[in-house]
Amino acid sequence: MILMLCLSVSSCAKKKEELPLPETDEGMRGQLGIDKNINEAAIDRYLGRDDAVYRDMRMLVDEADYEAIGGDSYLSGYVKGFEVVPYPYLVNVSGLPDEVGTTYQGNTLFTENADGTYSPNYEESYHILESLFPKDKYIFLMCGGGGYAGMTKKLLTASGYDENKIYNVGGYWYYEGENKVETFYEEDGERHYDFSDVDYHPIVFQTLTPLPGYEDKEDGKEKEDLPSDTSFIEIEDADALRKMEEENKTFLLYVYLPGCSSCASFKPIVKEFSQANDIDIYAVDLSVIFKDTNSVTERVSYTPSLFVYIDGEVAGYLDPGSDADLPYYQTLEGLSSFVAKYLDVEIIKSDTFNEVSDCESACSITD
């Protein structure tokens, strides 16, 4: 019986397939650092290993115009088992194709220097890097087309990682395997994105300790180059929001996503409203709190939105998926008339106009 048990355990134990050493592909794919053997066509064979981690390096919504080169600026899907770690939050990005433009230019864990070395910007930079990319594991990297994944391997190798344990799998845009997980759905001819099931690792820079030489920067720019933006008070996480609710506070909350073009066009109106009424507005990054069930996430999955809290309770909010709320997004008069339903504020007219013509497609996270 003991012999039979041993044979049974032995036969059930899954033997890990030996991995080939990383080998760069040819041509343009080779320039991006995409692996010749473990790539989009072969990754399914290597999924689910307990000696490996799987990282997709894209942003949920990228400011760069990847549609211009046949890609997708939204995280339209991912390979099952891959967790999302936005590369533009790790290192400043440069060298993108001209037609793509620029991506996120805010704070980063590291700065790539002219000589190809990397400097940490925070005391916690290396700790975060090693928690996201454990040195004792094989690391499989992916992104949209292979570029961010190649840049990540370069950062890790320069940071003391074993390059023979890091694989640039390539781009999700070219993946045709059986483990595709899509993050969008179609409704009334429009594409909507839902990131609620994405295993996403945001980096909350407000909680980190800047190193000397980086402390005078904010959102990747020198403070003196930035316009005054004291009317927005950032909420760092869902717990901080919950605490404000428990304290029965009355406040306005602006909900946004980094890289969301609709947020960028709506923000000036929100700022002008705040300054005109001499009122502070709190702001929260939806990507930071979207996994936590709270007053915001149970109501909206898209951005931008503005919530009115009275005594810790949501009295009203702008729904980015509602055409009825469209006028409130377009002008200062519209926004102030919305808030005036709940609070004693002045309805103000202004020349500022938000170029939104279809709330369903422009205010939501949609194509």
Foldseek 3Di string as FASTA:
>chain_A
DVVVVVVVVVVPDDDQDDDDFFDADDDPSSVLVAGPAQALVHVVVVPDDPQEAAEEAADQAKLWQCVQVVWHRHCFWDFPRYAYHHLCQAEPDDDDDPNRPHTQQFHHQWYQDPVRAIDGFFPCSVVVVCVNGPLRGQYEYEYAFSNSLSVVLSNVVNVPHDSRRYHRRGHPVPHDDDRIGGQWDDDPNWIAGFCLPHNYDDDQCVVTGTDPPNVQDGGNHGPVVDDDDQLEAEDREPVSLQVCLVQQDWAKEWEEAPSQPLCVLQVVLVSVQCVVQVHHHYYYYCVRYCNPDDPPNVQARWDTKMFTGGGSHTPDMQYLQDPVLVQCRFFNLSVQVVCVVPDPTDRDGDPRTRPDDGSNDRGGPID
